[in-house]
Amino acid sequence: MLLFALLFISLFITIYSEGVSVIDAVVMISNAFTSNGYTILGVTRIGKVDSLILVWGGYILSGVGTATLTAAILSRYFSRNNKQFENKIELLEKQNNGLEEKIDKLEDQNESLENKLDKILKYYEN
C-alpha cells in the first residue's frame, strides 16, 4: 500500500512539475524508483527532488522488506529452538521427579535401617 501511494503521488508531482505526458512521467518514475542507471531524471528542481524521493523511498522500502523477512526467519528459527528447549526441560523435570521419588524411598529405607540399628545396639547394650 505504501509503495503504491508513493508511486501515484510521485506520478502526479512529476506530471505537474515537469509538464510531461502521463507515459513520460511513468517512465521517469520507473527509472527513478528502480534506480536504473542511478540517474536523477527531471528538468526542474521539483522533478529532480521527486526522483530523489523515489530512489530513496525504494531503498527504504527495500530495507524494510529485508528487515521484515529477516525478523520472520529469526522468529521461526528461535520458535523452533524454544519448543525443543521446552521439551528438554519437561523431560528433565520428569527425570527430576523420578529422582526425588527415589531419594524419598532411600531416605525412608535409611530411617528404617537406623531404627533397626538402634534396636540392635540397645539389645546388645543391655
Protein backbone atom coordinates (compact mmCIF):
# COMPACT_ATOMS: atom_id res chain seq x y z
CA MET A 1 0.00 0.00 0.00
CA LEU A 2 2.80 2.39 0.90
CA LEU A 3 4.57 1.54 -2.35
CA PHE A 4 1.54 2.34 -4.50
CA ALA A 5 0.87 5.55 -2.61
CA LEU A 6 4.46 6.64 -3.16
CA LEU A 7 4.26 5.85 -6.89
CA PHE A 8 0.92 7.58 -7.50
CA ILE A 9 1.85 10.71 -5.56
CA SER A 10 5.12 10.90 -7.45
CA LEU A 11 3.28 10.39 -10.73
CA PHE A 12 1.15 13.47 -10.16
CA ILE A 13 4.09 15.52 -8.90
CA THR A 14 6.12 14.54 -11.99
CA ILE A 15 3.30 15.35 -14.41
CA TYR A 16 2.73 18.76 -12.79
CA SER A 17 6.34 19.80 -12.19
CA GLU A 18 7.87 18.52 -15.43
CA GLY A 19 4.95 19.28 -17.72
CA VAL A 20 5.19 15.86 -19.39
CA SER A 21 2.62 13.33 -20.52
CA VAL A 22 1.49 10.50 -18.27
CA ILE A 23 3.60 7.95 -20.12
CA ASP A 24 6.72 10.11 -19.83
CA ALA A 25 6.01 10.57 -16.13
CA VAL A 26 5.62 6.82 -15.65
CA VAL A 27 8.93 6.22 -17.44
CA MET A 28 10.65 8.81 -15.27
CA ILE A 29 9.17 7.34 -12.10
CA SER A 30 10.07 3.79 -13.10
CA ASN A 31 13.66 4.76 -13.84
CA ALA A 32 13.94 6.71 -10.62
CA PHE A 33 12.27 4.07 -8.47
CA THR A 34 14.29 1.17 -9.81
CA SER A 35 17.49 3.22 -9.72
CA ASN A 36 18.03 2.43 -13.37
CA GLY A 37 21.50 3.80 -14.03
CA TYR A 38 21.46 5.87 -10.85
CA THR A 39 20.42 8.94 -12.83
CA ILE A 40 18.22 11.62 -11.44
CA LEU A 41 15.65 12.36 -14.14
CA GLY A 42 13.89 15.68 -14.44
CA VAL A 43 14.44 19.15 -15.75
CA THR A 44 13.14 21.23 -12.85
CA ARG A 45 14.26 21.16 -9.27
CA ILE A 46 10.93 19.74 -8.11
CA GLY A 47 11.20 16.90 -10.64
CA LYS A 48 14.72 16.13 -9.51
CA VAL A 49 13.69 16.16 -5.85
CA ASP A 50 10.79 13.88 -6.71
CA SER A 51 13.22 11.45 -8.40
CA LEU A 52 15.45 11.57 -5.33
CA ILE A 53 12.48 10.83 -3.08
CA LEU A 54 11.55 7.87 -5.28
CA VAL A 55 15.06 6.47 -5.26
CA TRP A 56 15.44 6.81 -1.50
CA GLY A 57 11.88 5.60 -0.94
CA GLY A 58 12.78 2.47 -2.89
CA TYR A 59 15.86 1.96 -0.74
CA ILE A 60 13.84 2.41 2.45
CA LEU A 61 11.08 0.05 1.33
CA SER A 62 13.69 -2.48 0.26
CA GLY A 63 15.36 -2.21 3.67
CA VAL A 64 12.04 -2.58 5.47
CA GLY A 65 11.21 -5.66 3.39
CA THR A 66 14.59 -7.19 4.11
CA ALA A 67 14.29 -6.45 7.83
CA THR A 68 10.80 -7.96 7.93
CA LEU A 69 11.97 -11.11 6.17
CA THR A 70 14.95 -11.40 8.50
CA ALA A 71 12.72 -10.97 11.54
CA ALA A 72 10.35 -13.67 10.28
CA ILE A 73 13.21 -16.11 9.63
CA LEU A 74 14.77 -15.48 13.04
CA SER A 75 11.39 -15.73 14.77
CA ARG A 76 10.71 -19.11 13.15
CA TYR A 77 14.20 -20.35 13.98
CA PHE A 78 14.05 -19.33 17.63
CA SER A 79 10.45 -20.53 17.97
CA ARG A 80 11.54 -23.99 16.83
CA ASN A 81 14.54 -23.95 19.18
CA ASN A 82 12.32 -22.69 22.01
CA LYS A 83 9.99 -25.68 21.54
CA GLN A 84 12.96 -28.04 21.60
CA PHE A 85 14.22 -26.46 24.81
CA GLU A 86 10.76 -26.68 26.37
CA ASN A 87 10.60 -30.38 25.52
CA LYS A 88 14.03 -30.93 27.05
CA ILE A 89 13.03 -29.01 30.18
CA GLU A 90 9.88 -31.13 30.53
CA LEU A 91 11.96 -34.29 30.15
CA LEU A 92 14.42 -33.08 32.80
CA GLU A 93 11.56 -32.20 35.14
CA LYS A 94 10.11 -35.70 34.72
CA GLN A 95 13.51 -37.22 35.42
CA ASN A 96 13.91 -34.91 38.41
CA ASN A 97 10.54 -36.01 39.79
CA GLY A 98 11.59 -39.65 39.39
CA LEU A 99 14.85 -38.91 41.22
CA GLU A 100 13.01 -37.13 44.02
CA GLU A 101 10.79 -40.17 44.50
CA LYS A 102 13.85 -42.44 44.63
CA ILE A 103 15.54 -40.12 47.12
CA ASP A 104 12.41 -40.20 49.31
CA LYS A 105 12.40 -44.01 49.21
CA LEU A 106 16.08 -44.14 50.07
CA GLU A 107 15.55 -41.73 52.97
CA ASP A 108 12.70 -43.93 54.26
CA GLN A 109 14.89 -47.01 53.96
CA ASN A 110 17.70 -45.17 55.74
CA GLU A 111 15.39 -44.24 58.61
CA SER A 112 14.17 -47.83 58.81
CA LEU A 113 17.75 -49.13 58.91
CA GLU A 114 18.71 -46.54 61.54
CA ASN A 115 15.79 -47.66 63.69
CA LYS A 116 16.80 -51.31 63.33
CA LEU A 117 20.40 -50.44 64.13
CA ASP A 118 19.30 -48.54 67.24
CA LYS A 119 17.26 -51.54 68.37
CA ILE A 120 20.20 -53.88 67.80
CA LEU A 121 22.56 -51.56 69.70
CA LYS A 122 20.11 -51.28 72.61
CA TYR A 123 19.74 -55.03 72.70
CA TYR A 124 23.48 -55.59 72.97
CA GLU A 125 23.98 -52.75 75.41
CA ASN A 126 21.67 -54.46 77.88
